[in-house]
Amino acid sequence: LRGIDANAGDKILDSMLASAASNGDSLLSATVNLMKLEVFVFHQEWKKAIDLVRKAGNVRLVLPSAFGAVRFTFLEALTYLKAAQSSSGWKKRQMKKCAHKTIQLIRGWAKNGNVNV
């Protein structure tokens, strides 16, 4: 992996996100946000991940495939839990509450027999 510019991927994803925003393409925007969230979680960049989750909004409404929505929801819960670990006071309670809501959503899907969970 020598000679590969790690920032080039970020620039490409940011340009795709800007293009999606200018064209009003919410599906492309949601897909790019999912890819960026996966990268942030993989590299354990929790502050960037929580900022992305907050900025992206409810991606589940836009993603047509159940797999993408479940993947985003799982990563969202993981991000909130890790943010709660590093926070204190009311911010910790707020992050735990958001994580609990997301986990309850995943549990509901599993209870109803969603094959992607």
PDB file of N, CA and C in Angstrom:
ATOM      1  N   LEU A   1       0.809  -1.202   0.000  1.00  0.00           N
ATOM      2  CA  LEU A   1       0.000   0.000   0.000  1.00  0.00           C
ATOM      3  C   LEU A   1       0.851   1.264   0.000  1.00  0.00           C
ATOM      4  N   ARG A   2       2.107   1.105  -0.348  1.00  0.00           N
ATOM      5  CA  ARG A   2       2.964   2.288  -0.421  1.00  0.00           C
ATOM      6  C   ARG A   2       2.546   3.150  -1.592  1.00  0.00           C
ATOM      7  N   GLY A   3       2.636   4.428  -1.394  1.00  0.00           N
ATOM      8  CA  GLY A   3       2.339   5.355  -2.463  1.00  0.00           C
ATOM      9  C   GLY A   3       0.867   5.681  -2.632  1.00  0.00           C
ATOM     10  N   ILE A   4       0.025   5.099  -1.805  1.00  0.00           N
ATOM     11  CA  ILE A   4      -1.411   5.383  -1.909  1.00  0.00           C
ATOM     12  C   ILE A   4      -1.743   6.568  -1.010  1.00  0.00           C
ATOM     13  N   ASP A   5      -2.391   7.536  -1.565  1.00  0.00           N
ATOM     14  CA  ASP A   5      -2.772   8.730  -0.811  1.00  0.00           C
ATOM     15  C   ASP A   5      -4.086   8.458  -0.098  1.00  0.00           C
ATOM     16  N   ALA A   6      -4.038   8.396   1.241  1.00  0.00           N
ATOM     17  CA  ALA A   6      -5.242   8.100   2.022  1.00  0.00           C
ATOM     18  C   ALA A   6      -6.260   9.231   1.938  1.00  0.00           C
ATOM     19  N   ASN A   7      -5.794  10.446   1.746  1.00  0.00           N
ATOM     20  CA  ASN A   7      -6.708  11.584   1.676  1.00  0.00           C
ATOM     21  C   ASN A   7      -7.437  11.661   0.336  1.00  0.00           C
ATOM     22  N   ALA A   8      -6.928  10.957  -0.655  1.00  0.00           N
ATOM     23  CA  ALA A   8      -7.581  10.982  -1.965  1.00  0.00           C
ATOM     24  C   ALA A   8      -8.971  10.366  -1.891  1.00  0.00           C
ATOM     25  N   GLY A   9      -9.108   9.287  -1.113  1.00  0.00           N
ATOM     26  CA  GLY A   9     -10.426   8.671  -0.945  1.00  0.00           C
ATOM     27  C   GLY A   9     -11.403   9.610  -0.277  1.00  0.00           C
ATOM     28  N   ASP A  10     -10.928  10.349   0.739  1.00  0.00           N
ATOM     29  CA  ASP A  10     -11.788  11.328   1.404  1.00  0.00           C
ATOM     30  C   ASP A  10     -12.229  12.417   0.446  1.00  0.00           C
ATOM     31  N   LYS A  11     -11.309  12.855  -0.399  1.00  0.00           N
ATOM     32  CA  LYS A  11     -11.645  13.902  -1.363  1.00  0.00           C
ATOM     33  C   LYS A  11     -12.689  13.409  -2.367  1.00  0.00           C
ATOM     34  N   ILE A  12     -12.534  12.152  -2.788  1.00  0.00           N
ATOM     35  CA  ILE A  12     -13.490  11.590  -3.747  1.00  0.00           C
ATOM     36  C   ILE A  12     -14.878  11.480  -3.120  1.00  0.00           C
ATOM     37  N   LEU A  13     -14.938  10.974  -1.872  1.00  0.00           N
ATOM     38  CA  LEU A  13     -16.238  10.856  -1.198  1.00  0.00           C
ATOM     39  C   LEU A  13     -16.857  12.222  -0.946  1.00  0.00           C
ATOM     40  N   ASP A  14     -16.023  13.201  -0.573  1.00  0.00           N
ATOM     41  CA  ASP A  14     -16.549  14.552  -0.356  1.00  0.00           C
ATOM     42  C   ASP A  14     -17.064  15.162  -1.644  1.00  0.00           C
ATOM     43  N   SER A  15     -16.371  14.908  -2.762  1.00  0.00           N
ATOM     44  CA  SER A  15     -16.853  15.447  -4.040  1.00  0.00           C
ATOM     45  C   SER A  15     -18.151  14.753  -4.462  1.00  0.00           C
ATOM     46  N   MET A  16     -18.255  13.449  -4.188  1.00  0.00           N
ATOM     47  CA  MET A  16     -19.505  12.738  -4.495  1.00  0.00           C
ATOM     48  C   MET A  16     -20.647  13.284  -3.647  1.00  0.00           C
ATOM     49  N   LEU A  17     -20.372  13.575  -2.375  1.00  0.00           N
ATOM     50  CA  LEU A  17     -21.394  14.120  -1.484  1.00  0.00           C
ATOM     51  C   LEU A  17     -21.824  15.511  -1.937  1.00  0.00           C
ATOM     52  N   ALA A  18     -20.866  16.324  -2.357  1.00  0.00           N
ATOM     53  CA  ALA A  18     -21.196  17.658  -2.854  1.00  0.00           C
ATOM     54  C   ALA A  18     -22.014  17.569  -4.145  1.00  0.00           C
ATOM     55  N   SER A  19     -21.658  16.646  -5.006  1.00  0.00           N
ATOM     56  CA  SER A  19     -22.402  16.455  -6.249  1.00  0.00           C
ATOM     57  C   SER A  19     -23.826  15.995  -5.960  1.00  0.00           C
ATOM     58  N   ALA A  20     -23.972  15.085  -4.999  1.00  0.00           N
ATOM     59  CA  ALA A  20     -25.308  14.595  -4.637  1.00  0.00           C
ATOM     60  C   ALA A  20     -26.153  15.715  -4.049  1.00  0.00           C
ATOM     61  N   ALA A  21     -25.533  16.560  -3.238  1.00  0.00           N
ATOM     62  CA  ALA A  21     -26.275  17.670  -2.631  1.00  0.00           C
ATOM     63  C   ALA A  21     -26.711  18.680  -3.687  1.00  0.00           C
ATOM     64  N   SER A  22     -25.838  18.948  -4.651  1.00  0.00           N
ATOM     65  CA  SER A  22     -26.192  19.933  -5.675  1.00  0.00           C
ATOM     66  C   SER A  22     -27.275  19.406  -6.615  1.00  0.00           C
ATOM     67  N   ASN A  23     -27.291  18.084  -6.841  1.00  0.00           N
ATOM     68  CA  ASN A  23     -28.298  17.494  -7.728  1.00  0.00           C
ATOM     69  C   ASN A  23     -29.568  17.093  -6.997  1.00  0.00           C
ATOM     70  N   GLY A  24     -29.540  17.141  -5.679  1.00  0.00           N
ATOM     71  CA  GLY A  24     -30.707  16.728  -4.903  1.00  0.00           C
ATOM     72  C   GLY A  24     -30.875  15.221  -4.858  1.00  0.00           C
ATOM     73  N   ASP A  25     -29.796  14.489  -5.072  1.00  0.00           N
ATOM     74  CA  ASP A  25     -29.826  13.025  -5.084  1.00  0.00           C
ATOM     75  C   ASP A  25     -29.642  12.505  -3.661  1.00  0.00           C
ATOM     76  N   SER A  26     -30.732  12.240  -2.991  1.00  0.00           N
ATOM     77  CA  SER A  26     -30.660  11.810  -1.595  1.00  0.00           C
ATOM     78  C   SER A  26     -30.173  10.374  -1.457  1.00  0.00           C
ATOM     79  N   LEU A  27     -30.405   9.529  -2.462  1.00  0.00           N
ATOM     80  CA  LEU A  27     -29.924   8.150  -2.417  1.00  0.00           C
ATOM     81  C   LEU A  27     -28.403   8.098  -2.466  1.00  0.00           C
ATOM     82  N   LEU A  28     -27.803   8.858  -3.364  1.00  0.00           N
ATOM     83  CA  LEU A  28     -26.345   8.908  -3.451  1.00  0.00           C
ATOM     84  C   LEU A  28     -25.760   9.509  -2.182  1.00  0.00           C
ATOM     85  N   SER A  29     -26.395  10.527  -1.659  1.00  0.00           N
ATOM     86  CA  SER A  29     -25.929  11.146  -0.420  1.00  0.00           C
ATOM     87  C   SER A  29     -25.960  10.152   0.739  1.00  0.00           C
ATOM     88  N   ALA A  30     -27.026   9.381   0.846  1.00  0.00           N
ATOM     89  CA  ALA A  30     -27.138   8.392   1.920  1.00  0.00           C
ATOM     90  C   ALA A  30     -26.099   7.289   1.760  1.00  0.00           C
ATOM     91  N   THR A  31     -25.859   6.865   0.528  1.00  0.00           N
ATOM     92  CA  THR A  31     -24.876   5.813   0.273  1.00  0.00           C
ATOM     93  C   THR A  31     -23.466   6.289   0.607  1.00  0.00           C
ATOM     94  N   VAL A  32     -23.137   7.516   0.233  1.00  0.00           N
ATOM     95  CA  VAL A  32     -21.819   8.070   0.547  1.00  0.00           C
ATOM     96  C   VAL A  32     -21.664   8.227   2.055  1.00  0.00           C
ATOM     97  N   ASN A  33     -22.713   8.684   2.730  1.00  0.00           N
ATOM     98  CA  ASN A  33     -22.640   8.811   4.183  1.00  0.00           C
ATOM     99  C   ASN A  33     -22.439   7.447   4.849  1.00  0.00           C
ATOM    100  N   LEU A  34     -23.063   6.413   4.323  1.00  0.00           N
ATOM    101  CA  LEU A  34     -22.863   5.062   4.850  1.00  0.00           C
ATOM    102  C   LEU A  34     -21.419   4.619   4.658  1.00  0.00           C
ATOM    103  N   MET A  35     -20.856   4.875   3.486  1.00  0.00           N
ATOM    104  CA  MET A  35     -19.461   4.498   3.229  1.00  0.00           C
ATOM    105  C   MET A  35     -18.512   5.262   4.152  1.00  0.00           C
ATOM    106  N   LYS A  36     -18.756   6.559   4.313  1.00  0.00           N
ATOM    107  CA  LYS A  36     -17.897   7.356   5.187  1.00  0.00           C
ATOM    108  C   LYS A  36     -18.006   6.892   6.636  1.00  0.00           C
ATOM    109  N   LEU A  37     -19.207   6.555   7.075  1.00  0.00           N
ATOM    110  CA  LEU A  37     -19.393   6.078   8.443  1.00  0.00           C
ATOM    111  C   LEU A  37     -18.649   4.768   8.661  1.00  0.00           C
ATOM    112  N   GLU A  38     -18.695   3.871   7.685  1.00  0.00           N
ATOM    113  CA  GLU A  38     -17.953   2.609   7.793  1.00  0.00           C
ATOM    114  C   GLU A  38     -16.457   2.861   7.924  1.00  0.00           C
ATOM    115  N   VAL A  39     -15.931   3.805   7.165  1.00  0.00           N
ATOM    116  CA  VAL A  39     -14.501   4.123   7.239  1.00  0.00           C
ATOM    117  C   VAL A  39     -14.156   4.724   8.598  1.00  0.00           C
ATOM    118  N   PHE A  40     -14.987   5.644   9.086  1.00  0.00           N
ATOM    119  CA  PHE A  40     -14.717   6.262  10.387  1.00  0.00           C
ATOM    120  C   PHE A  40     -14.749   5.230  11.508  1.00  0.00           C
ATOM    121  N   VAL A  41     -15.709   4.319  11.467  1.00  0.00           N
ATOM    122  CA  VAL A  41     -15.802   3.286  12.502  1.00  0.00           C
ATOM    123  C   VAL A  41     -14.622   2.328  12.391  1.00  0.00           C
ATOM    124  N   PHE A  42     -14.245   1.971  11.171  1.00  0.00           N
ATOM    125  CA  PHE A  42     -13.119   1.061  10.972  1.00  0.00           C
ATOM    126  C   PHE A  42     -11.832   1.650  11.536  1.00  0.00           C
ATOM    127  N   HIS A  43     -11.636   2.958  11.343  1.00  0.00           N
ATOM    128  CA  HIS A  43     -10.434   3.628  11.837  1.00  0.00           C
ATOM    129  C   HIS A  43     -10.613   4.184  13.250  1.00  0.00           C
ATOM    130  N   GLN A  44     -11.741   3.914  13.865  1.00  0.00           N
ATOM    131  CA  GLN A  44     -12.069   4.326  15.228  1.00  0.00           C
ATOM    132  C   GLN A  44     -11.968   5.845  15.412  1.00  0.00           C
ATOM    133  N   GLU A  45     -12.461   6.570  14.448  1.00  0.00           N
ATOM    134  CA  GLU A  45     -12.537   8.026  14.514  1.00  0.00           C
ATOM    135  C   GLU A  45     -13.948   8.384  14.975  1.00  0.00           C
ATOM    136  N   TRP A  46     -14.175   8.260  16.271  1.00  0.00           N
ATOM    137  CA  TRP A  46     -15.529   8.341  16.820  1.00  0.00           C
ATOM    138  C   TRP A  46     -16.107   9.744  16.757  1.00  0.00           C
ATOM    139  N   LYS A  47     -15.285  10.772  16.927  1.00  0.00           N
ATOM    140  CA  LYS A  47     -15.807  12.142  16.863  1.00  0.00           C
ATOM    141  C   LYS A  47     -16.302  12.471  15.455  1.00  0.00           C
ATOM    142  N   LYS A  48     -15.536  12.069  14.459  1.00  0.00           N
ATOM    143  CA  LYS A  48     -15.974  12.294  13.074  1.00  0.00           C
ATOM    144  C   LYS A  48     -17.215  11.462  12.773  1.00  0.00           C
ATOM    145  N   ALA A  49     -17.258  10.248  13.320  1.00  0.00           N
ATOM    146  CA  ALA A  49     -18.407   9.375  13.077  1.00  0.00           C
ATOM    147  C   ALA A  49     -19.677   9.954  13.690  1.00  0.00           C
ATOM    148  N   ILE A  50     -19.589  10.456  14.920  1.00  0.00           N
ATOM    149  CA  ILE A  50     -20.789  11.012  15.562  1.00  0.00           C
ATOM    150  C   ILE A  50     -21.236  12.286  14.845  1.00  0.00           C
ATOM    151  N   ASP A  51     -20.282  13.082  14.350  1.00  0.00           N
ATOM    152  CA  ASP A  51     -20.653  14.265  13.571  1.00  0.00           C
ATOM    153  C   ASP A  51     -21.367  13.872  12.282  1.00  0.00           C
ATOM    154  N   LEU A  52     -20.886  12.817  11.646  1.00  0.00           N
ATOM    155  CA  LEU A  52     -21.513  12.346  10.410  1.00  0.00           C
ATOM    156  C   LEU A  52     -22.911  11.802  10.668  1.00  0.00           C
ATOM    157  N   VAL A  53     -23.077  11.043  11.753  1.00  0.00           N
ATOM    158  CA  VAL A  53     -24.399  10.493  12.082  1.00  0.00           C
ATOM    159  C   VAL A  53     -25.386  11.627  12.328  1.00  0.00           C
ATOM    160  N   ARG A  54     -24.954  12.629  13.054  1.00  0.00           N
ATOM    161  CA  ARG A  54     -25.841  13.773  13.325  1.00  0.00           C
ATOM    162  C   ARG A  54     -26.167  14.544  12.061  1.00  0.00           C
ATOM    163  N   LYS A  55     -25.157  14.716  11.192  1.00  0.00           N
ATOM    164  CA  LYS A  55     -25.358  15.491   9.972  1.00  0.00           C
ATOM    165  C   LYS A  55     -26.196  14.732   8.943  1.00  0.00           C
ATOM    166  N   ALA A  56     -26.024  13.408   8.892  1.00  0.00           N
ATOM    167  CA  ALA A  56     -26.709  12.605   7.876  1.00  0.00           C
ATOM    168  C   ALA A  56     -28.208  12.520   8.117  1.00  0.00           C
ATOM    169  N   GLY A  57     -28.616  12.552   9.372  1.00  0.00           N
ATOM    170  CA  GLY A  57     -30.041  12.443   9.666  1.00  0.00           C
ATOM    171  C   GLY A  57     -30.516  11.007   9.585  1.00  0.00           C
ATOM    172  N   ASN A  58     -31.777  10.817   9.246  1.00  0.00           N
ATOM    173  CA  ASN A  58     -32.365   9.484   9.188  1.00  0.00           C
ATOM    174  C   ASN A  58     -32.163   8.906   7.789  1.00  0.00           C
ATOM    175  N   VAL A  59     -31.075   8.191   7.616  1.00  0.00           N
ATOM    176  CA  VAL A  59     -30.722   7.613   6.322  1.00  0.00           C
ATOM    177  C   VAL A  59     -31.631   6.441   5.986  1.00  0.00           C
ATOM    178  N   ARG A  60     -32.231   5.833   6.990  1.00  0.00           N
ATOM    179  CA  ARG A  60     -33.098   4.670   6.765  1.00  0.00           C
ATOM    180  C   ARG A  60     -34.289   5.003   5.865  1.00  0.00           C
ATOM    181  N   LEU A  61     -34.713   6.233   5.837  1.00  0.00           N
ATOM    182  CA  LEU A  61     -35.841   6.621   4.989  1.00  0.00           C
ATOM    183  C   LEU A  61     -35.467   6.638   3.510  1.00  0.00           C
ATOM    184  N   VAL A  62     -34.189   6.773   3.222  1.00  0.00           N
ATOM    185  CA  VAL A  62     -33.749   6.960   1.845  1.00  0.00           C
ATOM    186  C   VAL A  62     -33.195   5.679   1.239  1.00  0.00           C
ATOM    187  N   LEU A  63     -32.484   4.875   2.036  1.00  0.00           N
ATOM    188  CA  LEU A  63     -31.848   3.677   1.493  1.00  0.00           C
ATOM    189  C   LEU A  63     -32.907   2.640   1.130  1.00  0.00           C
ATOM    190  N   PRO A  64     -32.943   2.222  -0.131  1.00  0.00           N
ATOM    191  CA  PRO A  64     -33.982   1.282  -0.552  1.00  0.00           C
ATOM    192  C   PRO A  64     -33.714  -0.156  -0.101  1.00  0.00           C
ATOM    193  N   SER A  65     -32.457  -0.530   0.023  1.00  0.00           N
ATOM    194  CA  SER A  65     -32.152  -1.911   0.410  1.00  0.00           C
ATOM    195  C   SER A  65     -32.173  -2.042   1.921  1.00  0.00           C
ATOM    196  N   ALA A  66     -32.677  -3.150   2.388  1.00  0.00           N
ATOM    197  CA  ALA A  66     -32.738  -3.376   3.828  1.00  0.00           C
ATOM    198  C   ALA A  66     -31.340  -3.533   4.405  1.00  0.00           C
ATOM    199  N   PHE A  67     -30.417  -4.104   3.619  1.00  0.00           N
ATOM    200  CA  PHE A  67     -29.067  -4.308   4.128  1.00  0.00           C
ATOM    201  C   PHE A  67     -28.387  -2.987   4.452  1.00  0.00           C
ATOM    202  N   GLY A  68     -28.485  -2.013   3.565  1.00  0.00           N
ATOM    203  CA  GLY A  68     -27.855  -0.718   3.798  1.00  0.00           C
ATOM    204  C   GLY A  68     -28.427  -0.008   5.004  1.00  0.00           C
ATOM    205  N   ALA A  69     -29.731  -0.081   5.155  1.00  0.00           N
ATOM    206  CA  ALA A  69     -30.371   0.558   6.306  1.00  0.00           C
ATOM    207  C   ALA A  69     -29.979  -0.127   7.606  1.00  0.00           C
ATOM    208  N   VAL A  70     -29.917  -1.456   7.602  1.00  0.00           N
ATOM    209  CA  VAL A  70     -29.522  -2.187   8.810  1.00  0.00           C
ATOM    210  C   VAL A  70     -28.064  -1.904   9.131  1.00  0.00           C
ATOM    211  N   ARG A  71     -27.231  -1.873   8.122  1.00  0.00           N
ATOM    212  CA  ARG A  71     -25.803  -1.592   8.329  1.00  0.00           C
ATOM    213  C   ARG A  71     -25.615  -0.214   8.934  1.00  0.00           C
ATOM    214  N   PHE A  72     -26.291   0.786   8.398  1.00  0.00           N
ATOM    215  CA  PHE A  72     -26.172   2.144   8.935  1.00  0.00           C
ATOM    216  C   PHE A  72     -26.679   2.192  10.367  1.00  0.00           C
ATOM    217  N   THR A  73     -27.785   1.516  10.641  1.00  0.00           N
ATOM    218  CA  THR A  73     -28.370   1.535  11.981  1.00  0.00           C
ATOM    219  C   THR A  73     -27.429   0.890  12.994  1.00  0.00           C
ATOM    220  N   PHE A  74     -26.814  -0.229  12.635  1.00  0.00           N
ATOM    221  CA  PHE A  74     -25.860  -0.881  13.527  1.00  0.00           C
ATOM    222  C   PHE A  74     -24.656   0.016  13.803  1.00  0.00           C
ATOM    223  N   LEU A  75     -24.111   0.625  12.754  1.00  0.00           N
ATOM    224  CA  LEU A  75     -22.964   1.513  12.934  1.00  0.00           C
ATOM    225  C   LEU A  75     -23.344   2.761  13.724  1.00  0.00           C
ATOM    226  N   GLU A  76     -24.571   3.220  13.546  1.00  0.00           N
ATOM    227  CA  GLU A  76     -25.060   4.366  14.313  1.00  0.00           C
ATOM    228  C   GLU A  76     -25.115   4.036  15.801  1.00  0.00           C
ATOM    229  N   ALA A  77     -25.639   2.860  16.144  1.00  0.00           N
ATOM    230  CA  ALA A  77     -25.702   2.443  17.548  1.00  0.00           C
ATOM    231  C   ALA A  77     -24.307   2.302  18.134  1.00  0.00           C
ATOM    232  N   LEU A  78     -23.403   1.704  17.391  1.00  0.00           N
ATOM    233  CA  LEU A  78     -22.029   1.543  17.852  1.00  0.00           C
ATOM    234  C   LEU A  78     -21.364   2.891  18.081  1.00  0.00           C
ATOM    235  N   THR A  79     -21.601   3.826  17.192  1.00  0.00           N
ATOM    236  CA  THR A  79     -21.025   5.163  17.315  1.00  0.00           C
ATOM    237  C   THR A  79     -21.554   5.875  18.553  1.00  0.00           C
ATOM    238  N   TYR A  80     -22.858   5.789  18.782  1.00  0.00           N
ATOM    239  CA  TYR A  80     -23.430   6.426  19.972  1.00  0.00           C
ATOM    240  C   TYR A  80     -22.894   5.796  21.263  1.00  0.00           C
ATOM    241  N   LEU A  81     -22.731   4.472  21.265  1.00  0.00           N
ATOM    242  CA  LEU A  81     -22.206   3.808  22.463  1.00  0.00           C
ATOM    243  C   LEU A  81     -20.764   4.224  22.741  1.00  0.00           C
ATOM    244  N   LYS A  82     -19.938   4.296  21.708  1.00  0.00           N
ATOM    245  CA  LYS A  82     -18.552   4.713  21.905  1.00  0.00           C
ATOM    246  C   LYS A  82     -18.470   6.183  22.303  1.00  0.00           C
ATOM    247  N   ALA A  83     -19.356   7.010  21.784  1.00  0.00           N
ATOM    248  CA  ALA A  83     -19.381   8.418  22.171  1.00  0.00           C
ATOM    249  C   ALA A  83     -19.815   8.557  23.626  1.00  0.00           C
ATOM    250  N   ALA A  84     -20.727   7.701  24.080  1.00  0.00           N
ATOM    251  CA  ALA A  84     -21.162   7.741  25.475  1.00  0.00           C
ATOM    252  C   ALA A  84     -20.032   7.331  26.413  1.00  0.00           C
ATOM    253  N   GLN A  85     -19.183   6.398  25.981  1.00  0.00           N
ATOM    254  CA  GLN A  85     -18.063   5.985  26.816  1.00  0.00           C
ATOM    255  C   GLN A  85     -17.078   7.117  27.047  1.00  0.00           C
ATOM    256  N   SER A  86     -16.889   7.950  26.058  1.00  0.00           N
ATOM    257  CA  SER A  86     -15.904   9.021  26.186  1.00  0.00           C
ATOM    258  C   SER A  86     -16.507  10.320  26.714  1.00  0.00           C
ATOM    259  N   SER A  87     -17.811  10.354  26.946  1.00  0.00           N
ATOM    260  CA  SER A  87     -18.472  11.563  27.441  1.00  0.00           C
ATOM    261  C   SER A  87     -18.755  11.437  28.925  1.00  0.00           C
ATOM    262  N   SER A  88     -19.217  12.548  29.494  1.00  0.00           N
ATOM    263  CA  SER A  88     -19.619  12.525  30.900  1.00  0.00           C
ATOM    264  C   SER A  88     -20.812  13.453  31.094  1.00  0.00           C
ATOM    265  N   GLY A  89     -21.521  13.240  32.199  1.00  0.00           N
ATOM    266  CA  GLY A  89     -22.647  14.097  32.546  1.00  0.00           C
ATOM    267  C   GLY A  89     -23.837  13.916  31.635  1.00  0.00           C
ATOM    268  N   TRP A  90     -24.483  15.031  31.307  1.00  0.00           N
ATOM    269  CA  TRP A  90     -25.707  14.985  30.518  1.00  0.00           C
ATOM    270  C   TRP A  90     -25.432  14.523  29.085  1.00  0.00           C
ATOM    271  N   LYS A  91     -24.227  14.801  28.577  1.00  0.00           N
ATOM    272  CA  LYS A  91     -23.875  14.368  27.222  1.00  0.00           C
ATOM    273  C   LYS A  91     -23.832  12.838  27.157  1.00  0.00           C
ATOM    274  N   LYS A  92     -23.323  12.207  28.233  1.00  0.00           N
ATOM    275  CA  LYS A  92     -23.267  10.747  28.283  1.00  0.00           C
ATOM    276  C   LYS A  92     -24.670  10.162  28.293  1.00  0.00           C
ATOM    277  N   ARG A  93     -25.567  10.755  29.087  1.00  0.00           N
ATOM    278  CA  ARG A  93     -26.948  10.279  29.131  1.00  0.00           C
ATOM    279  C   ARG A  93     -27.641  10.449  27.789  1.00  0.00           C
ATOM    280  N   GLN A  94     -27.371  11.567  27.133  1.00  0.00           N
ATOM    281  CA  GLN A  94     -27.970  11.825  25.824  1.00  0.00           C
ATOM    282  C   GLN A  94     -27.501  10.791  24.794  1.00  0.00           C
ATOM    283  N   MET A  95     -26.206  10.491  24.795  1.00  0.00           N
ATOM    284  CA  MET A  95     -25.665   9.515  23.851  1.00  0.00           C
ATOM    285  C   MET A  95     -26.196   8.113  24.146  1.00  0.00           C
ATOM    286  N   LYS A  96     -26.313   7.765  25.422  1.00  0.00           N
ATOM    287  CA  LYS A  96     -26.857   6.458  25.783  1.00  0.00           C
ATOM    288  C   LYS A  96     -28.315   6.337  25.360  1.00  0.00           C
ATOM    289  N   LYS A  97     -29.060   7.422  25.495  1.00  0.00           N
ATOM    290  CA  LYS A  97     -30.469   7.413  25.099  1.00  0.00           C
ATOM    291  C   LYS A  97     -30.602   7.205  23.594  1.00  0.00           C
ATOM    292  N   CYS A  98     -29.769   7.898  22.810  1.00  0.00           N
ATOM    293  CA  CYS A  98     -29.796   7.720  21.355  1.00  0.00           C
ATOM    294  C   CYS A  98     -29.400   6.297  20.975  1.00  0.00           C
ATOM    295  N   ALA A  99     -28.388   5.760  21.646  1.00  0.00           N
ATOM    296  CA  ALA A  99     -27.954   4.388  21.374  1.00  0.00           C
ATOM    297  C   ALA A  99     -29.057   3.401  21.732  1.00  0.00           C
ATOM    298  N   HIS A 100     -29.721   3.628  22.863  1.00  0.00           N
ATOM    299  CA  HIS A 100     -30.787   2.723  23.296  1.00  0.00           C
ATOM    300  C   HIS A 100     -31.946   2.719  22.300  1.00  0.00           C
ATOM    301  N   LYS A 101     -32.321   3.886  21.780  1.00  0.00           N
ATOM    302  CA  LYS A 101     -33.382   3.960  20.785  1.00  0.00           C
ATOM    303  C   LYS A 101     -33.015   3.185  19.522  1.00  0.00           C
ATOM    304  N   THR A 102     -31.768   3.312  19.102  1.00  0.00           N
ATOM    305  CA  THR A 102     -31.319   2.614  17.899  1.00  0.00           C
ATOM    306  C   THR A 102     -31.258   1.107  18.133  1.00  0.00           C
ATOM    307  N   ILE A 103     -30.784   0.699  19.307  1.00  0.00           N
ATOM    308  CA  ILE A 103     -30.725  -0.726  19.628  1.00  0.00           C
ATOM    309  C   ILE A 103     -32.134  -1.312  19.712  1.00  0.00           C
ATOM    310  N   GLN A 104     -33.079  -0.570  20.254  1.00  0.00           N
ATOM    311  CA  GLN A 104     -34.462  -1.036  20.310  1.00  0.00           C
ATOM    312  C   GLN A 104     -35.035  -1.225  18.911  1.00  0.00           C
ATOM    313  N   LEU A 105     -34.649  -0.352  17.992  1.00  0.00           N
ATOM    314  CA  LEU A 105     -35.084  -0.483  16.602  1.00  0.00           C
ATOM    315  C   LEU A 105     -34.546  -1.785  16.002  1.00  0.00           C
ATOM    316  N   ILE A 106     -33.272  -2.079  16.250  1.00  0.00           N
ATOM    317  CA  ILE A 106     -32.670  -3.311  15.741  1.00  0.00           C
ATOM    318  C   ILE A 106     -33.335  -4.529  16.381  1.00  0.00           C
ATOM    319  N   ARG A 107     -33.605  -4.471  17.675  1.00  0.00           N
ATOM    320  CA  ARG A 107     -34.283  -5.584  18.355  1.00  0.00           C
ATOM    321  C   ARG A 107     -35.677  -5.812  17.789  1.00  0.00           C
ATOM    322  N   GLY A 108     -36.370  -4.741  17.476  1.00  0.00           N
ATOM    323  CA  GLY A 108     -37.692  -4.868  16.862  1.00  0.00           C
ATOM    324  C   GLY A 108     -37.621  -5.544  15.506  1.00  0.00           C
ATOM    325  N   TRP A 109     -36.609  -5.190  14.719  1.00  0.00           N
ATOM    326  CA  TRP A 109     -36.433  -5.834  13.428  1.00  0.00           C
ATOM    327  C   TRP A 109     -36.159  -7.315  13.602  1.00  0.00           C
ATOM    328  N   ALA A 110     -35.293  -7.655  14.572  1.00  0.00           N
ATOM    329  CA  ALA A 110     -34.962  -9.069  14.798  1.00  0.00           C
ATOM    330  C   ALA A 110     -36.182  -9.833  15.284  1.00  0.00           C
ATOM    331  N   LYS A 111     -36.983  -9.204  16.129  1.00  0.00           N
ATOM    332  CA  LYS A 111     -38.187  -9.853  16.654  1.00  0.00           C
ATOM    333  C   LYS A 111     -39.194 -10.115  15.544  1.00  0.00           C
ATOM    334  N   ASN A 112     -39.292  -9.192  14.597  1.00  0.00           N
ATOM    335  CA  ASN A 112     -40.238  -9.335  13.488  1.00  0.00           C
ATOM    336  C   ASN A 112     -39.702 -10.219  12.370  1.00  0.00           C
ATOM    337  N   GLY A 113     -38.477 -10.722  12.508  1.00  0.00           N
ATOM    338  CA  GLY A 113     -37.958 -11.679  11.545  1.00  0.00           C
ATOM    339  C   GLY A 113     -37.226 -11.070  10.361  1.00  0.00           C
ATOM    340  N   ASN A 114     -36.625  -9.910  10.501  1.00  0.00           N
ATOM    341  CA  ASN A 114     -35.847  -9.326   9.425  1.00  0.00           C
ATOM    342  C   ASN A 114     -34.617 -10.197   9.191  1.00  0.00           C
ATOM    343  N   VAL A 115     -34.444 -10.692   7.992  1.00  0.00           N
ATOM    344  CA  VAL A 115     -33.342 -11.612   7.694  1.00  0.00           C
ATOM    345  C   VAL A 115     -31.989 -10.921   7.649  1.00  0.00           C
ATOM    346  N   ASN A 116     -31.961  -9.606   7.570  1.00  0.00           N
ATOM    347  CA  ASN A 116     -30.696  -8.880   7.488  1.00  0.00           C
ATOM    348  C   ASN A 116     -30.097  -8.582   8.849  1.00  0.00           C
ATOM    349  N   VAL A 117     -30.836  -8.845   9.916  1.00  0.00           N
ATOM    350  CA  VAL A 117     -30.318  -8.533  11.263  1.00  0.00           C
ATOM    351  C   VAL A 117     -29.589  -9.721  11.799  1.00  0.00           C
TER     352      VAL A 117
END
